[in-house]
Amino acid sequence: MSTEQGPVCLVADMSGLHKWVFLVLSATQFILGMLGNGFIVLVNGSSWFKNKTISLSDFIIANLALSRIVLLWILLVDGVLIVFSSKVHDEGIIMQIIDIFWTFTNHLSIWLATCLSVLYCLKIASFSHPTFLWLKWRVSRMVVQMILGALVLSCASALSLIHEFKMYSILGGIDGTGNVTEHFRKKRNEYKLIHVLGTLWNLPPLIVSLASYFLLILSLGRHTQRMEQSGTSSRDPSTEAHKRAIKIILSFLLLFLLYFLAFLITSSSYFIPGTEMVKIIGELITMFYPASHSFILILGNSKLKHTFVGMLRCESGHLKPGSKGPVSL
């Protein structure tokens, strides 16, 4: 992505070794990400087609995986252009198209993961506060509204780039004439700073996910304390559901924080010359997030995990294709 809006903009002076290492790592993450996310879409999509119905959590996970497949393709194309045609990558309509598609799919992917965190929190956590009970009672409707709102916000953020591209083109044209006043230099720097601060749009979903995580932790603590007081085993279904949801949300938060930090560093490097290696690392980290989180979702969902393990056993000849197992969470 260009540094105007996407994760990174590299210059053409990378060494040959750096280029090939970057390409190999990018291709590896792309393949793993496509396998993980493709598996999720295939399993949930075929189940939806077969049963004519789908749970809200499976629907969110399937669309999350689908958005990340698109995101991985965008990042791969971006990386190839960086290595083989940096001038085409950094200038003109190609850069603008990549930025628009990346902005839409990136925001949509982050908000879908946030919707999943909220869904797990409201369905699993247990509190007696009236506000929480009101939200819990309307969880399905509220999460659907969040998904629709995420779609609208993602479209709006992508469309807003069109005006910004026009403004950048005007500033670039003035710069090309050599007749640049102090006023236009200030305006150009302000424009660059706006794009760096644009990363703050990722803070709302991060805060919502953090709130969901801490509520689940608090609920698990209270539930465990009640189990100990009543002498019941702490490995009851509710406790296991708490722990499974916490692991999924925590993994998303850790990967998202790493992704957010990488994006912030690469965007800030726009002001610092000679930081090609930092930008390469940032590009790789941005691909690591959508690629790796898919496998955490598979391991955290009983239906996906069972299907995945069954497929591996079938491949090794230990399980027949028609075997059945437990249903999903």
C-alpha atoms as a PDB file:
ATOM      1  CA  MET A   1       0.000   0.000   0.000  1.00  0.00           C
ATOM      2  CA  SER A   2       1.123   3.515  -0.482  1.00  0.00           C
ATOM      3  CA  THR A   3       1.939   5.571   2.554  1.00  0.00           C
ATOM      4  CA  GLU A   4      -0.848   7.972   1.705  1.00  0.00           C
ATOM      5  CA  GLN A   5      -3.284   5.394   3.071  1.00  0.00           C
ATOM      6  CA  GLY A   6      -1.995   1.813   2.945  1.00  0.00           C
ATOM      7  CA  PRO A   7       0.657   0.178   5.086  1.00  0.00           C
ATOM      8  CA  VAL A   8       3.848   0.928   3.243  1.00  0.00           C
ATOM      9  CA  CYS A   9       5.552   2.530   0.291  1.00  0.00           C
ATOM     10  CA  LEU A  10       9.003   1.205  -0.608  1.00  0.00           C
ATOM     11  CA  VAL A  11      11.621   2.736  -2.821  1.00  0.00           C
ATOM     12  CA  ALA A  12      13.318   0.771  -5.551  1.00  0.00           C
ATOM     13  CA  ASP A  13      16.767   0.497  -3.986  1.00  0.00           C
ATOM     14  CA  MET A  14      16.239  -2.713  -2.009  1.00  0.00           C
ATOM     15  CA  SER A  15      19.054  -5.165  -2.513  1.00  0.00           C
ATOM     16  CA  GLY A  16      18.408  -8.328  -4.517  1.00  0.00           C
ATOM     17  CA  LEU A  17      18.623 -10.510  -1.400  1.00  0.00           C
ATOM     18  CA  HIS A  18      16.117  -8.363   0.477  1.00  0.00           C
ATOM     19  CA  LYS A  19      13.740  -8.531  -2.469  1.00  0.00           C
ATOM     20  CA  TRP A  20      13.774 -12.318  -2.660  1.00  0.00           C
ATOM     21  CA  VAL A  21      13.511 -12.808   1.100  1.00  0.00           C
ATOM     22  CA  PHE A  22      10.596 -10.399   1.133  1.00  0.00           C
ATOM     23  CA  LEU A  23       8.902 -12.226  -1.763  1.00  0.00           C
ATOM     24  CA  VAL A  24       9.407 -15.694  -0.262  1.00  0.00           C
ATOM     25  CA  LEU A  25       8.052 -14.665   3.154  1.00  0.00           C
ATOM     26  CA  SER A  26       5.131 -12.819   1.557  1.00  0.00           C
ATOM     27  CA  ALA A  27       4.259 -15.824  -0.643  1.00  0.00           C
ATOM     28  CA  THR A  28       4.497 -18.214   2.336  1.00  0.00           C
ATOM     29  CA  GLN A  29       2.167 -16.105   4.467  1.00  0.00           C
ATOM     30  CA  PHE A  30      -0.190 -15.657   1.528  1.00  0.00           C
ATOM     31  CA  ILE A  31      -0.450 -19.429   0.924  1.00  0.00           C
ATOM     32  CA  LEU A  32      -0.988 -20.219   4.630  1.00  0.00           C
ATOM     33  CA  GLY A  33      -3.555 -17.430   4.926  1.00  0.00           C
ATOM     34  CA  MET A  34      -5.441 -18.615   1.850  1.00  0.00           C
ATOM     35  CA  LEU A  35      -5.500 -22.199   3.157  1.00  0.00           C
ATOM     36  CA  GLY A  36      -6.756 -21.184   6.617  1.00  0.00           C
ATOM     37  CA  ASN A  37      -9.324 -18.627   5.516  1.00  0.00           C
ATOM     38  CA  GLY A  38     -10.377 -20.706   2.508  1.00  0.00           C
ATOM     39  CA  PHE A  39     -11.010 -23.679   4.798  1.00  0.00           C
ATOM     40  CA  ILE A  40     -13.267 -21.549   7.044  1.00  0.00           C
ATOM     41  CA  VAL A  41     -15.278 -20.241   4.087  1.00  0.00           C
ATOM     42  CA  LEU A  42     -15.596 -23.733   2.606  1.00  0.00           C
ATOM     43  CA  VAL A  43     -16.753 -25.430   5.831  1.00  0.00           C
ATOM     44  CA  ASN A  44     -19.209 -22.728   6.954  1.00  0.00           C
ATOM     45  CA  GLY A  45     -20.400 -22.062   3.408  1.00  0.00           C
ATOM     46  CA  SER A  46     -21.091 -25.745   2.672  1.00  0.00           C
ATOM     47  CA  SER A  47     -22.852 -26.129   6.035  1.00  0.00           C
ATOM     48  CA  TRP A  48     -25.016 -23.086   5.266  1.00  0.00           C
ATOM     49  CA  PHE A  49     -25.848 -24.438   1.801  1.00  0.00           C
ATOM     50  CA  LYS A  50     -26.639 -27.916   3.166  1.00  0.00           C
ATOM     51  CA  ASN A  51     -28.719 -26.901   6.197  1.00  0.00           C
ATOM     52  CA  LYS A  52     -30.248 -23.724   4.689  1.00  0.00           C
ATOM     53  CA  THR A  53     -29.420 -21.941   7.945  1.00  0.00           C
ATOM     54  CA  ILE A  54     -26.333 -20.629   9.725  1.00  0.00           C
ATOM     55  CA  SER A  55     -25.610 -19.361  13.220  1.00  0.00           C
ATOM     56  CA  LEU A  56     -24.665 -15.718  13.669  1.00  0.00           C
ATOM     57  CA  SER A  57     -21.169 -16.615  14.901  1.00  0.00           C
ATOM     58  CA  ASP A  58     -20.511 -18.869  11.880  1.00  0.00           C
ATOM     59  CA  PHE A  59     -21.827 -16.140   9.578  1.00  0.00           C
ATOM     60  CA  ILE A  60     -19.421 -13.579  11.050  1.00  0.00           C
ATOM     61  CA  ILE A  61     -16.465 -15.985  10.958  1.00  0.00           C
ATOM     62  CA  ALA A  62     -17.180 -16.919   7.312  1.00  0.00           C
ATOM     63  CA  ASN A  63     -17.412 -13.279   6.211  1.00  0.00           C
ATOM     64  CA  LEU A  64     -14.343 -12.407   8.280  1.00  0.00           C
ATOM     65  CA  ALA A  65     -12.394 -15.131   6.473  1.00  0.00           C
ATOM     66  CA  LEU A  66     -13.750 -13.974   3.104  1.00  0.00           C
ATOM     67  CA  SER A  67     -12.680 -10.376   3.748  1.00  0.00           C
ATOM     68  CA  ARG A  68      -9.205 -11.579   4.731  1.00  0.00           C
ATOM     69  CA  ILE A  69      -8.890 -13.596   1.522  1.00  0.00           C
ATOM     70  CA  VAL A  70      -9.472 -10.371  -0.413  1.00  0.00           C
ATOM     71  CA  LEU A  71      -7.082  -8.519   1.917  1.00  0.00           C
ATOM     72  CA  LEU A  72      -4.343 -11.116   1.368  1.00  0.00           C
ATOM     73  CA  TRP A  73      -4.687 -10.807  -2.410  1.00  0.00           C
ATOM     74  CA  ILE A  74      -4.399  -7.022  -2.153  1.00  0.00           C
ATOM     75  CA  LEU A  75      -1.289  -7.293   0.041  1.00  0.00           C
ATOM     76  CA  LEU A  76       0.290  -9.818  -2.335  1.00  0.00           C
ATOM     77  CA  VAL A  77      -0.286  -7.609  -5.383  1.00  0.00           C
ATOM     78  CA  ASP A  78       1.031  -4.661  -3.386  1.00  0.00           C
ATOM     79  CA  GLY A  79       4.198  -6.568  -2.435  1.00  0.00           C
ATOM     80  CA  VAL A  80       4.861  -7.726  -5.998  1.00  0.00           C
ATOM     81  CA  LEU A  81       4.488  -4.161  -7.285  1.00  0.00           C
ATOM     82  CA  ILE A  82       6.829  -2.908  -4.556  1.00  0.00           C
ATOM     83  CA  VAL A  83       9.576  -5.275  -5.699  1.00  0.00           C
ATOM     84  CA  PHE A  84       9.180  -5.266  -9.471  1.00  0.00           C
ATOM     85  CA  SER A  85       7.617  -1.895 -10.260  1.00  0.00           C
ATOM     86  CA  SER A  86       7.930   0.555  -7.395  1.00  0.00           C
ATOM     87  CA  LYS A  87       7.302   3.555  -9.658  1.00  0.00           C
ATOM     88  CA  VAL A  88       3.957   2.156 -10.834  1.00  0.00           C
ATOM     89  CA  HIS A  89       3.158   1.235  -7.227  1.00  0.00           C
ATOM     90  CA  ASP A  90       3.812   4.704  -5.827  1.00  0.00           C
ATOM     91  CA  GLU A  91       2.218   6.810  -8.539  1.00  0.00           C
ATOM     92  CA  GLY A  92      -1.029   7.127 -10.425  1.00  0.00           C
ATOM     93  CA  ILE A  93      -4.190   5.098 -10.616  1.00  0.00           C
ATOM     94  CA  ILE A  94      -2.683   1.747  -9.519  1.00  0.00           C
ATOM     95  CA  MET A  95      -1.742   3.116  -6.114  1.00  0.00           C
ATOM     96  CA  GLN A  96      -5.178   4.687  -5.707  1.00  0.00           C
ATOM     97  CA  ILE A  97      -7.044   1.484  -6.583  1.00  0.00           C
ATOM     98  CA  ILE A  98      -4.919  -0.543  -4.146  1.00  0.00           C
ATOM     99  CA  ASP A  99      -5.470   2.005  -1.390  1.00  0.00           C
ATOM    100  CA  ILE A 100      -9.255   2.109  -1.866  1.00  0.00           C
ATOM    101  CA  PHE A 101      -9.671  -1.675  -1.851  1.00  0.00           C
ATOM    102  CA  TRP A 102      -7.230  -2.098   1.042  1.00  0.00           C
ATOM    103  CA  THR A 103      -8.985   0.553   3.137  1.00  0.00           C
ATOM    104  CA  PHE A 104     -12.410  -1.033   2.626  1.00  0.00           C
ATOM    105  CA  THR A 105     -11.384  -4.650   3.314  1.00  0.00           C
ATOM    106  CA  ASN A 106      -9.068  -3.712   6.194  1.00  0.00           C
ATOM    107  CA  HIS A 107     -11.730  -1.730   8.075  1.00  0.00           C
ATOM    108  CA  LEU A 108     -14.391  -4.356   7.369  1.00  0.00           C
ATOM    109  CA  SER A 109     -12.131  -7.181   8.573  1.00  0.00           C
ATOM    110  CA  ILE A 110     -11.268  -5.384  11.823  1.00  0.00           C
ATOM    111  CA  TRP A 111     -14.900  -4.547  12.584  1.00  0.00           C
ATOM    112  CA  LEU A 112     -16.080  -8.095  11.832  1.00  0.00           C
ATOM    113  CA  ALA A 113     -13.526  -9.436  14.325  1.00  0.00           C
ATOM    114  CA  THR A 114     -14.821  -6.861  16.822  1.00  0.00           C
ATOM    115  CA  CYS A 115     -18.424  -7.986  16.206  1.00  0.00           C
ATOM    116  CA  LEU A 116     -17.323 -11.560  16.938  1.00  0.00           C
ATOM    117  CA  SER A 117     -15.751 -10.422  20.227  1.00  0.00           C
ATOM    118  CA  VAL A 118     -18.953  -8.623  21.249  1.00  0.00           C
ATOM    119  CA  LEU A 119     -21.074 -11.656  20.314  1.00  0.00           C
ATOM    120  CA  TYR A 120     -18.932 -14.014  22.408  1.00  0.00           C
ATOM    121  CA  CYS A 121     -18.943 -11.591  25.332  1.00  0.00           C
ATOM    122  CA  LEU A 122     -22.712 -11.063  25.428  1.00  0.00           C
ATOM    123  CA  LYS A 123     -23.556 -14.738  24.884  1.00  0.00           C
ATOM    124  CA  ILE A 124     -21.077 -16.200  27.378  1.00  0.00           C
ATOM    125  CA  ALA A 125     -20.457 -13.581  30.082  1.00  0.00           C
ATOM    126  CA  SER A 126     -22.884 -13.385  32.990  1.00  0.00           C
ATOM    127  CA  PHE A 127     -23.675 -10.145  34.848  1.00  0.00           C
ATOM    128  CA  SER A 128     -26.771  -8.902  36.658  1.00  0.00           C
ATOM    129  CA  HIS A 129     -26.421  -5.258  35.636  1.00  0.00           C
ATOM    130  CA  PRO A 130     -29.602  -4.048  33.840  1.00  0.00           C
ATOM    131  CA  THR A 131     -27.661  -2.537  30.924  1.00  0.00           C
ATOM    132  CA  PHE A 132     -25.751  -5.766  30.285  1.00  0.00           C
ATOM    133  CA  LEU A 133     -28.945  -7.827  30.541  1.00  0.00           C
ATOM    134  CA  TRP A 134     -30.668  -5.464  28.086  1.00  0.00           C
ATOM    135  CA  LEU A 135     -27.782  -5.895  25.614  1.00  0.00           C
ATOM    136  CA  LYS A 136     -27.658  -9.660  26.178  1.00  0.00           C
ATOM    137  CA  TRP A 137     -31.367  -9.969  25.443  1.00  0.00           C
ATOM    138  CA  ARG A 138     -30.916  -8.110  22.135  1.00  0.00           C
ATOM    139  CA  VAL A 139     -27.499  -9.522  21.237  1.00  0.00           C
ATOM    140  CA  SER A 140     -28.395 -10.892  17.789  1.00  0.00           C
ATOM    141  CA  ARG A 141     -30.139  -7.710  16.644  1.00  0.00           C
ATOM    142  CA  MET A 142     -27.372  -5.500  18.018  1.00  0.00           C
ATOM    143  CA  VAL A 143     -24.554  -7.499  16.381  1.00  0.00           C
ATOM    144  CA  VAL A 144     -26.371  -7.488  13.025  1.00  0.00           C
ATOM    145  CA  GLN A 145     -26.698  -3.708  13.321  1.00  0.00           C
ATOM    146  CA  MET A 146     -22.979  -3.517  14.125  1.00  0.00           C
ATOM    147  CA  ILE A 147     -22.188  -5.509  10.967  1.00  0.00           C
ATOM    148  CA  LEU A 148     -24.331  -3.200   8.822  1.00  0.00           C
ATOM    149  CA  GLY A 149     -22.718  -0.174  10.463  1.00  0.00           C
ATOM    150  CA  ALA A 150     -19.263  -1.640   9.810  1.00  0.00           C
ATOM    151  CA  LEU A 151     -20.154  -2.080   6.136  1.00  0.00           C
ATOM    152  CA  VAL A 152     -21.302   1.544   5.875  1.00  0.00           C
ATOM    153  CA  LEU A 153     -18.210   2.878   7.686  1.00  0.00           C
ATOM    154  CA  SER A 154     -15.898   0.794   5.494  1.00  0.00           C
ATOM    155  CA  CYS A 155     -17.549   2.115   2.318  1.00  0.00           C
ATOM    156  CA  ALA A 156     -17.402   5.702   3.608  1.00  0.00           C
ATOM    157  CA  SER A 157     -13.716   5.432   4.536  1.00  0.00           C
ATOM    158  CA  ALA A 158     -12.864   4.049   1.088  1.00  0.00           C
ATOM    159  CA  LEU A 159     -14.903   6.675  -0.783  1.00  0.00           C
ATOM    160  CA  SER A 160     -13.354   9.472   1.273  1.00  0.00           C
ATOM    161  CA  LEU A 161     -10.013   8.668  -0.364  1.00  0.00           C
ATOM    162  CA  ILE A 162     -11.231   9.953  -3.730  1.00  0.00           C
ATOM    163  CA  HIS A 163     -11.277  13.551  -2.477  1.00  0.00           C
ATOM    164  CA  GLU A 164      -7.935  13.079  -0.733  1.00  0.00           C
ATOM    165  CA  PHE A 165      -6.340  11.736  -3.924  1.00  0.00           C
ATOM    166  CA  LYS A 166      -7.487  14.864  -5.773  1.00  0.00           C
ATOM    167  CA  MET A 167      -5.987  17.066  -3.082  1.00  0.00           C
ATOM    168  CA  TYR A 168      -2.709  15.137  -3.166  1.00  0.00           C
ATOM    169  CA  SER A 169      -2.590  15.400  -6.963  1.00  0.00           C
ATOM    170  CA  ILE A 170      -2.971  19.178  -6.767  1.00  0.00           C
ATOM    171  CA  LEU A 171      -0.231  19.470  -4.173  1.00  0.00           C
ATOM    172  CA  GLY A 172       2.016  17.192  -6.230  1.00  0.00           C
ATOM    173  CA  GLY A 173       1.424  19.301  -9.347  1.00  0.00           C
ATOM    174  CA  ILE A 174       2.380  22.464  -7.522  1.00  0.00           C
ATOM    175  CA  ASP A 175       5.485  20.759  -6.184  1.00  0.00           C
ATOM    176  CA  GLY A 176       6.451  19.664  -9.711  1.00  0.00           C
ATOM    177  CA  THR A 177       6.496  23.245 -10.997  1.00  0.00           C
ATOM    178  CA  GLY A 178       9.221  24.170  -8.531  1.00  0.00           C
ATOM    179  CA  ASN A 179       7.163  27.150  -7.410  1.00  0.00           C
ATOM    180  CA  VAL A 180       6.398  25.982  -3.887  1.00  0.00           C
ATOM    181  CA  THR A 181       5.570  28.589  -1.277  1.00  0.00           C
ATOM    182  CA  GLU A 182       5.855  28.089   2.466  1.00  0.00           C
ATOM    183  CA  HIS A 183       2.069  27.907   2.640  1.00  0.00           C
ATOM    184  CA  PHE A 184       1.922  24.927   0.284  1.00  0.00           C
ATOM    185  CA  ARG A 185       4.790  23.190   2.067  1.00  0.00           C
ATOM    186  CA  LYS A 186       2.800  23.483   5.281  1.00  0.00           C
ATOM    187  CA  LYS A 187      -0.347  22.201   3.581  1.00  0.00           C
ATOM    188  CA  ARG A 188       1.515  19.230   2.147  1.00  0.00           C
ATOM    189  CA  ASN A 189       2.951  18.312   5.552  1.00  0.00           C
ATOM    190  CA  GLU A 190      -0.504  18.635   7.095  1.00  0.00           C
ATOM    191  CA  TYR A 191      -1.842  16.277   4.443  1.00  0.00           C
ATOM    192  CA  LYS A 192       0.812  13.674   5.237  1.00  0.00           C
ATOM    193  CA  LEU A 193       0.135  14.005   8.963  1.00  0.00           C
ATOM    194  CA  ILE A 194      -3.593  13.426   8.420  1.00  0.00           C
ATOM    195  CA  HIS A 195      -2.819  10.049   6.856  1.00  0.00           C
ATOM    196  CA  VAL A 196      -0.601   9.039   9.745  1.00  0.00           C
ATOM    197  CA  LEU A 197      -3.298  10.072  12.232  1.00  0.00           C
ATOM    198  CA  GLY A 198      -5.784   8.131  10.113  1.00  0.00           C
ATOM    199  CA  THR A 199      -4.590   5.027  11.954  1.00  0.00           C
ATOM    200  CA  LEU A 200      -6.575   6.312  14.952  1.00  0.00           C
ATOM    201  CA  TRP A 201      -9.742   5.135  13.184  1.00  0.00           C
ATOM    202  CA  ASN A 202      -8.660   1.659  14.287  1.00  0.00           C
ATOM    203  CA  LEU A 203      -8.942   2.623  17.951  1.00  0.00           C
ATOM    204  CA  PRO A 204     -12.763   2.258  18.356  1.00  0.00           C
ATOM    205  CA  PRO A 205     -12.842  -1.456  17.397  1.00  0.00           C
ATOM    206  CA  LEU A 206      -9.738  -2.024  19.518  1.00  0.00           C
ATOM    207  CA  ILE A 207     -11.391  -0.412  22.566  1.00  0.00           C
ATOM    208  CA  VAL A 208     -14.614  -2.402  22.051  1.00  0.00           C
ATOM    209  CA  SER A 209     -12.651  -5.667  21.800  1.00  0.00           C
ATOM    210  CA  LEU A 210     -10.650  -4.795  24.925  1.00  0.00           C
ATOM    211  CA  ALA A 211     -13.877  -4.115  26.814  1.00  0.00           C
ATOM    212  CA  SER A 212     -15.290  -7.481  25.677  1.00  0.00           C
ATOM    213  CA  TYR A 213     -12.109  -9.250  26.767  1.00  0.00           C
ATOM    214  CA  PHE A 214     -12.049  -7.713  30.243  1.00  0.00           C
ATOM    215  CA  LEU A 215     -15.754  -8.396  30.766  1.00  0.00           C
ATOM    216  CA  LEU A 216     -15.170 -12.059  29.907  1.00  0.00           C
ATOM    217  CA  ILE A 217     -12.186 -12.207  32.290  1.00  0.00           C
ATOM    218  CA  LEU A 218     -14.286 -10.661  35.077  1.00  0.00           C
ATOM    219  CA  SER A 219     -17.200 -12.984  34.352  1.00  0.00           C
ATOM    220  CA  LEU A 220     -14.892 -16.036  34.367  1.00  0.00           C
ATOM    221  CA  GLY A 221     -13.423 -14.975  37.712  1.00  0.00           C
ATOM    222  CA  ARG A 222     -16.874 -14.635  39.278  1.00  0.00           C
ATOM    223  CA  HIS A 223     -18.060 -17.901  37.757  1.00  0.00           C
ATOM    224  CA  THR A 224     -14.974 -19.797  39.003  1.00  0.00           C
ATOM    225  CA  GLN A 225     -15.461 -18.343  42.493  1.00  0.00           C
ATOM    226  CA  ARG A 226     -19.090 -19.529  42.553  1.00  0.00           C
ATOM    227  CA  MET A 227     -18.018 -22.989  41.411  1.00  0.00           C
ATOM    228  CA  GLU A 228     -15.418 -23.212  44.184  1.00  0.00           C
ATOM    229  CA  GLN A 229     -17.915 -22.092  46.819  1.00  0.00           C
ATOM    230  CA  SER A 230     -20.459 -24.675  45.697  1.00  0.00           C
ATOM    231  CA  GLY A 231     -17.834 -27.409  45.409  1.00  0.00           C
ATOM    232  CA  THR A 232     -18.565 -27.950  41.708  1.00  0.00           C
ATOM    233  CA  SER A 233     -15.848 -28.827  39.217  1.00  0.00           C
ATOM    234  CA  SER A 234     -14.281 -25.796  37.565  1.00  0.00           C
ATOM    235  CA  ARG A 235     -14.252 -27.610  34.200  1.00  0.00           C
ATOM    236  CA  ASP A 236     -17.984 -27.247  33.563  1.00  0.00           C
ATOM    237  CA  PRO A 237     -19.249 -26.231  30.058  1.00  0.00           C
ATOM    238  CA  SER A 238     -19.667 -22.569  31.042  1.00  0.00           C
ATOM    239  CA  THR A 239     -16.070 -22.305  32.263  1.00  0.00           C
ATOM    240  CA  GLU A 240     -14.754 -23.966  29.117  1.00  0.00           C
ATOM    241  CA  ALA A 241     -16.826 -21.604  26.943  1.00  0.00           C
ATOM    242  CA  HIS A 242     -15.406 -18.617  28.861  1.00  0.00           C
ATOM    243  CA  LYS A 243     -11.831 -19.832  28.370  1.00  0.00           C
ATOM    244  CA  ARG A 244     -12.323 -20.588  24.676  1.00  0.00           C
ATOM    245  CA  ALA A 245     -13.826 -17.154  23.976  1.00  0.00           C
ATOM    246  CA  ILE A 246     -11.075 -15.425  25.988  1.00  0.00           C
ATOM    247  CA  LYS A 247      -8.374 -17.193  23.963  1.00  0.00           C
ATOM    248  CA  ILE A 248      -9.969 -16.158  20.666  1.00  0.00           C
ATOM    249  CA  ILE A 249     -10.427 -12.514  21.691  1.00  0.00           C
ATOM    250  CA  LEU A 250      -6.970 -12.298  23.284  1.00  0.00           C
ATOM    251  CA  SER A 251      -5.311 -13.702  20.160  1.00  0.00           C
ATOM    252  CA  PHE A 252      -7.158 -11.144  18.044  1.00  0.00           C
ATOM    253  CA  LEU A 253      -6.084  -8.328  20.370  1.00  0.00           C
ATOM    254  CA  LEU A 254      -2.415  -9.356  20.407  1.00  0.00           C
ATOM    255  CA  LEU A 255      -2.239  -9.795  16.632  1.00  0.00           C
ATOM    256  CA  PHE A 256      -4.181  -6.591  16.054  1.00  0.00           C
ATOM    257  CA  LEU A 257      -1.891  -4.620  18.389  1.00  0.00           C
ATOM    258  CA  LEU A 258       1.127  -5.983  16.502  1.00  0.00           C
ATOM    259  CA  TYR A 259      -0.545  -5.096  13.205  1.00  0.00           C
ATOM    260  CA  PHE A 260      -1.519  -1.634  14.460  1.00  0.00           C
ATOM    261  CA  LEU A 261       2.029  -0.958  15.710  1.00  0.00           C
ATOM    262  CA  ALA A 262       3.548  -2.070  12.391  1.00  0.00           C
ATOM    263  CA  PHE A 263       1.123   0.105  10.449  1.00  0.00           C
ATOM    264  CA  LEU A 264       1.879   3.081  12.710  1.00  0.00           C
ATOM    265  CA  ILE A 265       5.649   2.644  12.281  1.00  0.00           C
ATOM    266  CA  THR A 266       5.494   2.248   8.509  1.00  0.00           C
ATOM    267  CA  SER A 267       3.153   5.223   8.169  1.00  0.00           C
ATOM    268  CA  SER A 268       5.427   7.365  10.358  1.00  0.00           C
ATOM    269  CA  SER A 269       8.439   6.322   8.296  1.00  0.00           C
ATOM    270  CA  TYR A 270       6.881   8.376   5.494  1.00  0.00           C
ATOM    271  CA  PHE A 271       8.641  11.362   7.095  1.00  0.00           C
ATOM    272  CA  ILE A 272      11.964   9.562   7.571  1.00  0.00           C
ATOM    273  CA  PRO A 273      14.189   8.791   4.562  1.00  0.00           C
ATOM    274  CA  GLY A 274      16.280   5.631   4.398  1.00  0.00           C
ATOM    275  CA  THR A 275      13.934   3.356   6.356  1.00  0.00           C
ATOM    276  CA  GLU A 276      13.395   0.698   3.674  1.00  0.00           C
ATOM    277  CA  MET A 277      14.052  -2.249   6.009  1.00  0.00           C
ATOM    278  CA  VAL A 278      11.519  -0.957   8.531  1.00  0.00           C
ATOM    279  CA  LYS A 279       8.947  -0.728   5.757  1.00  0.00           C
ATOM    280  CA  ILE A 280       9.707  -4.255   4.537  1.00  0.00           C
ATOM    281  CA  ILE A 281       9.159  -5.640   8.033  1.00  0.00           C
ATOM    282  CA  GLY A 282       5.951  -3.616   8.354  1.00  0.00           C
ATOM    283  CA  GLU A 283       4.593  -5.038   5.104  1.00  0.00           C
ATOM    284  CA  LEU A 284       5.307  -8.594   6.269  1.00  0.00           C
ATOM    285  CA  ILE A 285       3.622  -8.017   9.653  1.00  0.00           C
ATOM    286  CA  THR A 286       0.490  -6.627   8.002  1.00  0.00           C
ATOM    287  CA  MET A 287       0.176  -9.902   6.068  1.00  0.00           C
ATOM    288  CA  PHE A 288       0.932 -12.031   9.148  1.00  0.00           C
ATOM    289  CA  TYR A 289      -2.180 -10.760  10.951  1.00  0.00           C
ATOM    290  CA  PRO A 290      -4.905 -11.909   8.492  1.00  0.00           C
ATOM    291  CA  ALA A 291      -2.953 -15.085   7.682  1.00  0.00           C
ATOM    292  CA  SER A 292      -2.330 -16.376  11.219  1.00  0.00           C
ATOM    293  CA  HIS A 293      -5.581 -15.391  12.940  1.00  0.00           C
ATOM    294  CA  SER A 294      -7.544 -17.779  10.715  1.00  0.00           C
ATOM    295  CA  PHE A 295      -5.871 -20.802  12.344  1.00  0.00           C
ATOM    296  CA  ILE A 296      -6.671 -19.462  15.815  1.00  0.00           C
ATOM    297  CA  LEU A 297     -10.318 -19.188  14.774  1.00  0.00           C
ATOM    298  CA  ILE A 298     -10.229 -22.782  13.506  1.00  0.00           C
ATOM    299  CA  LEU A 299      -8.742 -24.107  16.745  1.00  0.00           C
ATOM    300  CA  GLY A 300     -11.187 -22.053  18.840  1.00  0.00           C
ATOM    301  CA  ASN A 301     -14.325 -23.256  17.064  1.00  0.00           C
ATOM    302  CA  SER A 302     -15.325 -26.871  17.810  1.00  0.00           C
ATOM    303  CA  LYS A 303     -16.965 -27.494  14.426  1.00  0.00           C
ATOM    304  CA  LEU A 304     -14.054 -26.088  12.436  1.00  0.00           C
ATOM    305  CA  LYS A 305     -11.519 -27.818  14.661  1.00  0.00           C
ATOM    306  CA  HIS A 306     -13.245 -31.183  14.390  1.00  0.00           C
ATOM    307  CA  THR A 307     -13.542 -30.887  10.603  1.00  0.00           C
ATOM    308  CA  PHE A 308      -9.901 -29.823  10.313  1.00  0.00           C
ATOM    309  CA  VAL A 309      -8.621 -32.652  12.531  1.00  0.00           C
ATOM    310  CA  GLY A 310     -10.908 -35.133  10.763  1.00  0.00           C
ATOM    311  CA  MET A 311      -9.542 -34.025   7.403  1.00  0.00           C
ATOM    312  CA  LEU A 312      -5.964 -34.554   8.604  1.00  0.00           C
ATOM    313  CA  ARG A 313      -6.805 -38.013   9.957  1.00  0.00           C
ATOM    314  CA  CYS A 314      -8.600 -38.879   6.746  1.00  0.00           C
ATOM    315  CA  GLU A 315      -5.511 -37.876   4.795  1.00  0.00           C
ATOM    316  CA  SER A 316      -3.355 -40.112   6.955  1.00  0.00           C
ATOM    317  CA  GLY A 317      -5.814 -43.016   6.614  1.00  0.00           C
ATOM    318  CA  HIS A 318      -6.977 -43.108  10.251  1.00  0.00           C
ATOM    319  CA  LEU A 319     -10.514 -41.800   9.713  1.00  0.00           C
ATOM    320  CA  LYS A 320     -13.070 -42.561   7.071  1.00  0.00           C
ATOM    321  CA  PRO A 321     -14.573 -39.549   5.234  1.00  0.00           C
ATOM    322  CA  GLY A 322     -18.089 -40.273   6.550  1.00  0.00           C
ATOM    323  CA  SER A 323     -17.177 -40.155  10.219  1.00  0.00           C
ATOM    324  CA  LYS A 324     -19.070 -37.748  12.480  1.00  0.00           C
ATOM    325  CA  GLY A 325     -18.135 -35.756  15.507  1.00  0.00           C
ATOM    326  CA  PRO A 326     -19.365 -33.042  17.845  1.00  0.00           C
ATOM    327  CA  VAL A 327     -21.086 -29.943  16.638  1.00  0.00           C
ATOM    328  CA  SER A 328     -19.671 -26.434  16.919  1.00  0.00           C
ATOM    329  CA  LEU A 329     -19.832 -23.943  19.762  1.00  0.00           C
END
